Protein backbone atom coordinates (compact mmCIF):
# COMPACT_ATOMS: atom_id res chain seq x y z
CA ILE A 1 281.29 163.11 -5.47
CA GLY A 2 284.76 161.86 -5.81
CA ASN A 3 284.25 161.61 -9.44
CA MET A 4 282.73 164.69 -10.23
CA ILE A 5 285.80 166.71 -8.56
CA PHE A 6 288.65 164.74 -10.45
CA LEU A 7 286.33 164.61 -13.73
CA HIS A 8 285.53 168.36 -13.02
CA ILE A 9 281.88 167.81 -13.64
CA THR A 10 278.87 170.39 -12.35
CA PHE A 11 275.92 168.86 -11.35
CA GLY A 12 274.05 169.99 -14.76
CA ASP A 13 275.99 167.46 -16.30
CA LEU A 14 275.31 164.25 -14.41
CA PHE A 15 272.18 164.67 -16.39
CA THR A 16 274.10 165.41 -19.83
CA SER A 17 277.40 164.54 -20.89
CA ALA A 18 278.20 162.51 -17.53
CA GLY A 19 274.51 160.85 -17.14
CA TRP A 20 276.53 157.53 -15.84
CA LEU A 21 277.18 159.39 -12.84
CA GLY A 22 273.52 160.54 -12.66
CA LEU A 23 272.46 157.22 -12.88
CA LYS A 24 275.20 155.84 -10.14
CA LEU A 25 273.68 159.18 -7.59
CA ILE A 26 269.62 157.88 -8.60
CA PHE A 27 270.69 154.18 -7.53
CA PHE A 28 272.36 155.08 -4.41
CA ILE A 29 269.56 156.76 -3.24
CA ILE A 30 267.21 154.36 -3.82
CA LEU A 31 269.21 152.28 -2.08
CA LEU A 32 269.35 154.63 0.75
CA GLY A 33 265.83 155.51 0.78
CA ILE A 34 265.39 151.27 0.69
CA GLY A 35 268.01 150.97 3.82
CA MET A 36 266.47 153.88 5.73
CA ALA A 37 262.53 152.87 5.06
CA VAL A 38 262.10 149.96 4.25
CA SER A 39 264.91 147.58 6.36
CA PRO A 40 264.06 149.57 9.90
CA LYS A 41 260.78 148.95 9.22
CA THR A 42 260.64 145.35 8.58
CA ALA A 43 262.98 144.20 10.91
CA ARG A 44 260.41 145.95 14.27
CA HIS A 45 257.71 144.57 12.62
CA ARG A 46 259.30 140.59 12.64
CA ALA A 47 260.23 141.77 16.39
CA MET A 48 257.43 142.33 17.41
CA LEU A 49 255.33 139.20 15.46
CA LEU A 50 258.38 136.94 17.20
CA ASP A 51 257.14 138.63 20.84
CA GLN A 52 253.58 137.64 20.10
CA MET A 53 254.72 134.49 18.74
CA ASN A 54 256.62 133.82 22.34
CA GLN A 55 253.47 134.32 24.30
CA ILE A 56 251.24 131.70 26.05
CA ASN A 57 248.48 132.15 23.50
CA PRO A 58 250.13 133.23 19.71
CA PRO A 59 248.32 134.50 16.78
CA GLU A 60 246.85 131.96 14.68
CA ASP A 61 248.01 133.76 11.57
CA ALA A 62 251.39 134.56 13.12
CA ASN A 63 253.78 131.68 10.92
CA ASP A 64 251.88 133.30 7.82
CA LYS A 65 252.67 137.10 8.41
CA MET A 66 256.09 135.56 9.14
CA GLU A 67 256.41 134.03 5.78
CA ALA A 68 255.65 137.21 4.60
CA LEU A 69 257.84 139.47 6.17
CA ASN A 70 260.66 136.99 5.54
CA SER A 71 259.45 137.19 1.62
CA LYS A 72 259.32 140.87 1.87
CA GLN A 73 262.69 140.85 3.01
CA THR A 74 263.84 138.67 0.64
CA VAL A 75 263.37 140.46 -1.72
CA PHE A 76 264.48 144.16 -0.58
CA PHE A 77 267.83 142.54 0.45
CA LEU A 78 267.85 141.17 -3.55
CA VAL A 79 266.84 144.19 -5.17
CA ASN A 80 270.04 146.18 -2.38
CA TRP A 81 272.11 143.97 -3.91
CA VAL A 82 271.06 144.30 -7.77
CA LEU A 83 271.53 148.18 -7.28
CA VAL A 84 275.12 147.46 -5.72
CA ILE A 85 275.54 145.50 -8.70
CA ILE A 86 274.82 148.31 -11.08
CA ILE A 87 276.46 150.88 -9.30
CA VAL A 88 279.53 148.72 -9.35
CA LEU A 89 279.57 148.37 -12.94
CA LEU A 90 278.92 151.54 -13.55
CA THR A 91 281.77 152.56 -11.65
CA LEU A 92 284.06 149.96 -13.62
CA PHE A 93 282.77 150.36 -16.94
CA LYS A 94 282.09 154.34 -17.38
CA PRO A 95 279.57 154.22 -20.28
């Protein structure tokens, strides 16, 4: 938004002459969506599974579920970093 004000860019310009700024905005919204929707849900599932694993009779497939949740969390962590790097590169090198 600071770039939009500084460069006098309107919302209509985001996808024409200032496409790099529109891409940054889209990637940021995707990053925000992942951070607000996927990460808390995965953390909640992991916490519930850990509680179940600490009971006297834990579920037999708990380790498999934990591995799946850990893999999911790793994938989204990597996706988040890729999006952040793309946003930074678009900021530095304004194509």
